[in-house]
N, C-alpha and C. Protein backbone atom coordinates (compact mmCIF):
# COMPACT_ATOMS: atom_id res chain seq x y z
N VAL A 1 42.17 -54.54 110.68
CA VAL A 1 42.83 -53.58 109.83
C VAL A 1 41.79 -52.80 109.03
N PHE A 2 40.82 -53.50 108.45
CA PHE A 2 39.84 -52.80 107.62
C PHE A 2 39.05 -51.77 108.42
N SER A 3 38.68 -52.10 109.66
CA SER A 3 37.91 -51.14 110.46
C SER A 3 38.76 -49.92 110.81
N ARG A 4 40.04 -50.13 111.09
CA ARG A 4 40.92 -48.99 111.39
C ARG A 4 41.12 -48.13 110.15
N LEU A 5 41.25 -48.76 108.96
CA LEU A 5 41.39 -48.00 107.73
C LEU A 5 40.12 -47.22 107.43
N LYS A 6 38.98 -47.84 107.70
CA LYS A 6 37.71 -47.15 107.48
C LYS A 6 37.61 -45.93 108.39
N THR A 7 37.99 -46.10 109.64
CA THR A 7 37.96 -44.99 110.60
C THR A 7 38.92 -43.89 110.20
N SER A 8 40.09 -44.27 109.68
CA SER A 8 41.10 -43.27 109.30
C SER A 8 40.86 -42.73 107.89
N ALA A 9 39.82 -43.22 107.23
CA ALA A 9 39.48 -42.81 105.86
C ALA A 9 40.64 -43.07 104.90
N GLY A 10 41.39 -44.14 105.15
CA GLY A 10 42.46 -44.52 104.24
C GLY A 10 43.79 -43.86 104.49
N PHE A 11 43.86 -42.97 105.49
CA PHE A 11 45.15 -42.36 105.81
C PHE A 11 46.03 -43.39 106.51
N ALA A 12 47.32 -43.12 106.58
CA ALA A 12 48.28 -44.05 107.15
C ALA A 12 47.93 -44.43 108.58
N LEU A 13 48.16 -45.70 108.90
CA LEU A 13 48.04 -46.18 110.27
C LEU A 13 49.45 -46.14 110.87
N VAL A 14 49.56 -45.62 112.08
CA VAL A 14 50.87 -45.42 112.70
C VAL A 14 51.00 -46.31 113.92
N SER A 15 52.13 -46.98 114.03
CA SER A 15 52.39 -47.88 115.16
C SER A 15 52.77 -47.08 116.39
N PRO A 16 52.70 -47.70 117.55
CA PRO A 16 53.32 -47.10 118.74
C PRO A 16 54.83 -47.11 118.55
N PRO A 17 55.58 -46.38 119.39
CA PRO A 17 57.05 -46.39 119.28
C PRO A 17 57.62 -47.80 119.42
N LEU A 18 58.58 -48.11 118.55
CA LEU A 18 59.22 -49.43 118.54
C LEU A 18 60.71 -49.28 118.76
N GLN A 19 61.35 -50.38 119.09
CA GLN A 19 62.80 -50.44 119.22
C GLN A 19 63.34 -51.21 118.02
N LEU A 20 64.30 -50.64 117.28
CA LEU A 20 64.92 -51.29 116.14
C LEU A 20 66.42 -51.32 116.40
N GLY A 21 66.91 -52.49 116.83
CA GLY A 21 68.31 -52.58 117.23
C GLY A 21 68.53 -51.70 118.46
N ASP A 22 69.49 -50.79 118.38
CA ASP A 22 69.78 -49.89 119.49
C ASP A 22 68.97 -48.59 119.42
N ILE A 23 68.14 -48.46 118.40
CA ILE A 23 67.41 -47.21 118.17
C ILE A 23 66.00 -47.34 118.70
N SER A 24 65.63 -46.41 119.57
CA SER A 24 64.26 -46.39 120.08
C SER A 24 63.48 -45.30 119.36
N ASP A 25 62.19 -45.28 119.58
CA ASP A 25 61.28 -44.29 119.00
C ASP A 25 61.22 -44.37 117.47
N VAL A 26 61.17 -45.61 116.97
CA VAL A 26 60.95 -45.84 115.55
C VAL A 26 59.47 -46.15 115.38
N ARG A 27 58.85 -45.55 114.39
CA ARG A 27 57.44 -45.82 114.13
C ARG A 27 57.27 -46.34 112.71
N LEU A 28 56.33 -47.28 112.57
CA LEU A 28 55.94 -47.76 111.26
C LEU A 28 54.67 -47.04 110.85
N GLN A 29 54.62 -46.59 109.61
CA GLN A 29 53.42 -45.97 109.06
C GLN A 29 52.99 -46.84 107.89
N PHE A 30 51.80 -47.41 107.98
CA PHE A 30 51.28 -48.28 106.94
C PHE A 30 50.24 -47.52 106.12
N SER A 31 50.46 -47.44 104.81
CA SER A 31 49.49 -46.85 103.88
C SER A 31 48.99 -47.96 102.98
N PRO A 32 47.66 -48.09 102.80
CA PRO A 32 47.09 -49.26 102.14
C PRO A 32 47.30 -49.37 100.64
N GLY A 33 47.55 -48.30 99.92
CA GLY A 33 47.81 -48.38 98.48
C GLY A 33 46.57 -48.31 97.62
N GLU A 34 46.80 -48.28 96.31
CA GLU A 34 45.73 -48.10 95.33
C GLU A 34 44.78 -49.29 95.26
N GLY A 35 45.26 -50.51 95.49
CA GLY A 35 44.38 -51.68 95.46
C GLY A 35 43.25 -51.54 96.45
N TRP A 36 43.58 -51.13 97.66
CA TRP A 36 42.55 -50.93 98.67
C TRP A 36 41.73 -49.68 98.38
N ALA A 37 42.38 -48.62 97.92
CA ALA A 37 41.68 -47.36 97.66
C ALA A 37 40.59 -47.54 96.61
N ALA A 38 40.81 -48.42 95.64
CA ALA A 38 39.82 -48.63 94.59
C ALA A 38 38.77 -49.66 94.98
N SER A 39 38.96 -50.31 96.13
CA SER A 39 38.03 -51.37 96.53
C SER A 39 36.77 -50.79 97.17
N GLY A 40 35.77 -51.63 97.29
CA GLY A 40 34.52 -51.23 97.92
C GLY A 40 34.64 -51.02 99.41
N ARG A 41 35.76 -51.45 100.03
CA ARG A 41 35.95 -51.27 101.48
C ARG A 41 36.40 -49.86 101.83
N ASN A 42 36.83 -49.09 100.84
CA ASN A 42 37.30 -47.72 101.09
C ASN A 42 36.13 -46.76 101.04
N PRO A 43 35.83 -46.08 102.14
CA PRO A 43 34.71 -45.14 102.14
C PRO A 43 34.94 -43.92 101.27
N LYS A 44 36.16 -43.67 100.86
CA LYS A 44 36.45 -42.49 100.04
C LYS A 44 36.65 -42.82 98.57
N ASN A 45 36.34 -44.07 98.15
CA ASN A 45 36.63 -44.41 96.76
C ASN A 45 35.80 -43.59 95.78
N LYS A 46 34.65 -43.09 96.18
CA LYS A 46 33.87 -42.21 95.32
C LYS A 46 34.54 -40.86 95.19
N ALA A 47 35.12 -40.37 96.28
CA ALA A 47 35.79 -39.07 96.26
C ALA A 47 37.02 -39.10 95.37
N LYS A 48 37.63 -40.26 95.24
CA LYS A 48 38.83 -40.37 94.40
C LYS A 48 38.55 -40.00 92.96
N SER A 49 37.33 -40.33 92.48
CA SER A 49 37.01 -40.04 91.09
C SER A 49 36.79 -38.55 90.84
N THR A 50 36.68 -37.75 91.90
CA THR A 50 36.48 -36.32 91.73
C THR A 50 37.79 -35.55 91.71
N ARG A 51 38.91 -36.26 91.77
CA ARG A 51 40.23 -35.62 91.74
C ARG A 51 40.42 -34.93 90.41
N PRO A 52 40.94 -33.68 90.40
CA PRO A 52 41.15 -32.97 89.15
C PRO A 52 42.08 -33.72 88.21
N GLU A 53 41.78 -33.64 86.91
CA GLU A 53 42.62 -34.29 85.91
C GLU A 53 44.03 -33.70 85.94
N GLY A 54 45.02 -34.53 85.65
CA GLY A 54 46.39 -34.07 85.57
C GLY A 54 47.07 -33.88 86.91
N LYS A 55 46.38 -34.17 87.98
CA LYS A 55 46.96 -34.02 89.32
C LYS A 55 47.93 -35.17 89.55
N ALA A 56 49.22 -34.87 89.58
CA ALA A 56 50.24 -35.92 89.76
C ALA A 56 50.30 -36.33 91.22
N ARG A 57 50.50 -37.64 91.45
CA ARG A 57 50.71 -38.14 92.80
C ARG A 57 51.41 -39.48 92.73
N LYS A 58 52.09 -39.80 93.80
CA LYS A 58 52.83 -41.06 93.87
C LYS A 58 51.84 -42.21 94.03
N VAL A 59 51.99 -43.25 93.23
CA VAL A 59 51.06 -44.36 93.24
C VAL A 59 51.78 -45.62 93.72
N SER A 60 51.14 -46.34 94.62
CA SER A 60 51.65 -47.62 95.08
C SER A 60 50.48 -48.60 95.07
N GLU A 61 50.56 -49.60 94.23
CA GLU A 61 49.45 -50.55 94.09
C GLU A 61 49.15 -51.29 95.38
N HIS A 62 50.20 -51.80 96.04
CA HIS A 62 50.00 -52.64 97.22
C HIS A 62 50.23 -51.91 98.54
N GLY A 63 50.57 -50.65 98.50
CA GLY A 63 50.76 -49.89 99.72
C GLY A 63 52.22 -49.73 100.08
N THR A 64 52.44 -49.04 101.17
CA THR A 64 53.79 -48.76 101.64
C THR A 64 53.88 -48.91 103.14
N VAL A 65 55.08 -49.16 103.59
CA VAL A 65 55.41 -49.09 105.01
C VAL A 65 56.55 -48.09 105.11
N SER A 66 56.34 -47.05 105.90
CA SER A 66 57.39 -46.06 106.11
C SER A 66 57.95 -46.23 107.50
N LEU A 67 59.26 -46.08 107.62
CA LEU A 67 59.94 -46.09 108.91
C LEU A 67 60.27 -44.65 109.23
N LYS A 68 59.84 -44.22 110.40
CA LYS A 68 60.09 -42.84 110.81
C LYS A 68 60.86 -42.87 112.12
N LEU A 69 61.97 -42.16 112.13
CA LEU A 69 62.81 -42.08 113.32
C LEU A 69 62.36 -40.89 114.15
N GLY A 70 62.21 -41.09 115.44
CA GLY A 70 61.80 -40.00 116.33
C GLY A 70 62.96 -39.07 116.62
N ASP A 71 63.18 -38.76 117.89
CA ASP A 71 64.22 -37.82 118.30
C ASP A 71 65.60 -38.46 118.39
N ALA A 72 65.67 -39.78 118.29
CA ALA A 72 66.96 -40.46 118.41
C ALA A 72 67.85 -40.11 117.22
N VAL A 73 69.13 -40.14 117.45
CA VAL A 73 70.11 -39.87 116.39
C VAL A 73 70.75 -41.18 115.98
N CYS A 74 70.78 -41.42 114.67
CA CYS A 74 71.40 -42.65 114.16
C CYS A 74 72.28 -42.26 112.99
N GLY A 75 73.58 -42.46 113.11
CA GLY A 75 74.51 -42.10 112.06
C GLY A 75 74.94 -43.27 111.20
N GLU A 76 74.32 -44.43 111.39
CA GLU A 76 74.73 -45.61 110.65
C GLU A 76 73.61 -46.05 109.70
N THR A 77 74.00 -46.82 108.69
CA THR A 77 73.03 -47.40 107.78
C THR A 77 72.55 -48.71 108.36
N LEU A 78 71.23 -48.88 108.44
CA LEU A 78 70.65 -50.11 108.97
C LEU A 78 70.16 -50.97 107.81
N THR A 79 70.39 -52.26 107.91
CA THR A 79 69.92 -53.21 106.91
C THR A 79 68.93 -54.15 107.60
N PHE A 80 67.80 -54.37 106.96
CA PHE A 80 66.78 -55.21 107.56
C PHE A 80 65.87 -55.79 106.49
N TYR A 81 65.10 -56.80 106.90
CA TYR A 81 64.05 -57.39 106.07
C TYR A 81 62.71 -56.94 106.64
N LEU A 82 61.74 -56.80 105.77
CA LEU A 82 60.37 -56.50 106.16
C LEU A 82 59.53 -57.73 105.86
N PHE A 83 58.80 -58.20 106.86
CA PHE A 83 57.88 -59.32 106.68
C PHE A 83 56.46 -58.78 106.69
N VAL A 84 55.70 -59.16 105.67
CA VAL A 84 54.27 -58.88 105.60
C VAL A 84 53.62 -60.24 105.73
N GLY A 85 53.08 -60.53 106.92
CA GLY A 85 52.67 -61.90 107.20
C GLY A 85 53.91 -62.77 107.16
N SER A 86 53.90 -63.81 106.33
CA SER A 86 55.06 -64.69 106.22
C SER A 86 55.93 -64.35 105.00
N MET A 87 55.53 -63.35 104.22
CA MET A 87 56.29 -62.98 103.02
C MET A 87 57.42 -62.00 103.38
N ARG A 88 58.64 -62.35 102.98
CA ARG A 88 59.81 -61.52 103.28
C ARG A 88 60.15 -60.64 102.09
N GLN A 89 60.44 -59.38 102.36
CA GLN A 89 60.91 -58.44 101.35
C GLN A 89 62.22 -57.85 101.82
N GLY A 90 63.08 -57.52 100.86
CA GLY A 90 64.34 -56.91 101.20
C GLY A 90 65.50 -57.78 100.79
N PRO A 91 66.67 -57.44 101.25
CA PRO A 91 66.96 -56.51 102.35
C PRO A 91 66.85 -55.05 101.91
N PHE A 92 66.51 -54.20 102.88
CA PHE A 92 66.44 -52.76 102.69
C PHE A 92 67.57 -52.12 103.48
N GLU A 93 68.11 -51.05 102.95
CA GLU A 93 69.11 -50.27 103.68
C GLU A 93 68.58 -48.87 103.88
N CYS A 94 68.62 -48.41 105.11
CA CYS A 94 68.14 -47.07 105.44
C CYS A 94 69.24 -46.32 106.20
N ASN A 95 69.53 -45.14 105.74
CA ASN A 95 70.50 -44.28 106.41
C ASN A 95 69.71 -43.13 107.03
N PHE A 96 69.47 -43.22 108.33
CA PHE A 96 68.66 -42.21 109.01
C PHE A 96 69.43 -40.90 109.20
N ALA A 97 70.73 -40.90 108.96
CA ALA A 97 71.49 -39.64 109.01
C ALA A 97 71.13 -38.78 107.80
N GLU A 98 70.77 -39.41 106.69
CA GLU A 98 70.40 -38.69 105.48
C GLU A 98 68.95 -38.23 105.49
N GLN A 99 68.05 -39.08 106.01
CA GLN A 99 66.63 -38.72 106.10
C GLN A 99 66.00 -39.51 107.24
N VAL A 100 65.01 -38.90 107.90
CA VAL A 100 64.41 -39.54 109.07
C VAL A 100 63.23 -40.43 108.72
N VAL A 101 62.74 -40.35 107.47
CA VAL A 101 61.64 -41.22 107.03
C VAL A 101 62.08 -41.97 105.77
N HIS A 102 61.91 -43.28 105.80
CA HIS A 102 62.21 -44.12 104.63
C HIS A 102 60.93 -44.85 104.25
N GLU A 103 60.55 -44.78 102.97
CA GLU A 103 59.34 -45.43 102.49
C GLU A 103 59.70 -46.70 101.73
N LEU A 104 59.04 -47.79 102.09
CA LEU A 104 59.27 -49.09 101.47
C LEU A 104 58.00 -49.50 100.73
N GLN A 105 58.12 -49.77 99.44
CA GLN A 105 56.98 -50.20 98.62
C GLN A 105 56.70 -51.67 98.89
N LEU A 106 55.44 -52.00 99.17
CA LEU A 106 55.08 -53.40 99.34
C LEU A 106 54.96 -54.05 97.97
N LYS A 107 55.53 -55.23 97.84
CA LYS A 107 55.50 -55.96 96.57
C LYS A 107 54.40 -57.03 96.55
N VAL A 108 53.75 -57.22 97.68
CA VAL A 108 52.68 -58.21 97.78
C VAL A 108 51.40 -57.51 98.22
N ASP A 109 50.26 -58.12 97.88
CA ASP A 109 48.97 -57.59 98.30
C ASP A 109 48.77 -57.95 99.77
N TRP A 110 48.87 -56.95 100.63
CA TRP A 110 48.79 -57.18 102.08
C TRP A 110 47.46 -57.80 102.49
N ARG A 111 46.41 -57.58 101.73
CA ARG A 111 45.08 -58.11 102.09
C ARG A 111 45.07 -59.63 102.10
N LYS A 112 46.00 -60.26 101.37
CA LYS A 112 46.09 -61.72 101.33
C LYS A 112 46.89 -62.29 102.50
N HIS A 113 47.41 -61.41 103.37
CA HIS A 113 48.25 -61.86 104.48
C HIS A 113 47.68 -61.47 105.84
N LEU A 114 46.40 -61.18 105.87
CA LEU A 114 45.75 -60.86 107.14
C LEU A 114 45.64 -62.12 107.99
N GLU A 115 45.80 -61.96 109.28
CA GLU A 115 45.65 -63.06 110.23
C GLU A 115 44.67 -62.61 111.29
N ALA A 116 43.48 -63.21 111.28
CA ALA A 116 42.41 -62.87 112.23
C ALA A 116 42.11 -61.37 112.22
N GLY A 117 42.09 -60.79 111.02
CA GLY A 117 41.76 -59.38 110.88
C GLY A 117 42.90 -58.42 111.13
N SER A 118 44.07 -58.94 111.49
CA SER A 118 45.24 -58.10 111.75
C SER A 118 46.28 -58.31 110.65
N LEU A 119 47.10 -57.30 110.46
CA LEU A 119 48.18 -57.40 109.48
C LEU A 119 49.50 -57.46 110.23
N PRO A 120 50.11 -58.65 110.29
CA PRO A 120 51.40 -58.76 110.98
C PRO A 120 52.53 -58.18 110.12
N LEU A 121 53.16 -57.13 110.62
CA LEU A 121 54.33 -56.53 110.00
C LEU A 121 55.50 -56.73 110.95
N CYS A 122 56.63 -57.13 110.41
CA CYS A 122 57.79 -57.41 111.25
C CYS A 122 59.04 -56.91 110.55
N LEU A 123 59.94 -56.30 111.31
CA LEU A 123 61.24 -55.90 110.80
C LEU A 123 62.30 -56.80 111.44
N GLN A 124 63.16 -57.37 110.61
CA GLN A 124 64.25 -58.21 111.11
C GLN A 124 65.56 -57.50 110.77
N LEU A 125 66.22 -57.00 111.80
CA LEU A 125 67.48 -56.30 111.62
C LEU A 125 68.58 -57.27 111.26
N VAL A 126 69.37 -56.93 110.24
CA VAL A 126 70.49 -57.77 109.80
C VAL A 126 71.74 -57.21 110.48
N GLN A 127 72.35 -58.01 111.31
CA GLN A 127 73.57 -57.58 111.99
C GLN A 127 74.73 -57.74 111.03
N GLY A 128 75.50 -56.66 110.87
CA GLY A 128 76.59 -56.78 109.91
C GLY A 128 77.77 -56.17 110.39
């Protein structure tokens, strides 16, 4: 994960297309958050200090996972859990009819859940 983040200069890492229930072409976008951005592993942490004062931006300490729906149409609300390693978050409800991208704030430091250099992210759909 760290080498991919270094290569992407901290921009979101995007998964290949996934299947979520009956919906295909769902992608996960992982953004590392402020904890990683301020760390010595981020090649752009020096550039961050040159940001103009008063520049507002959305801050997430532990990062985010966004779900993005491709060309598929989904008119229902989906409920699911997000697992970061073995830590479960949620349930989350996403209505893709209202918006095609849903951002989920991570409540745990993902760096503590790496397994052999990889970050296991899992979505568990709740059938209701």
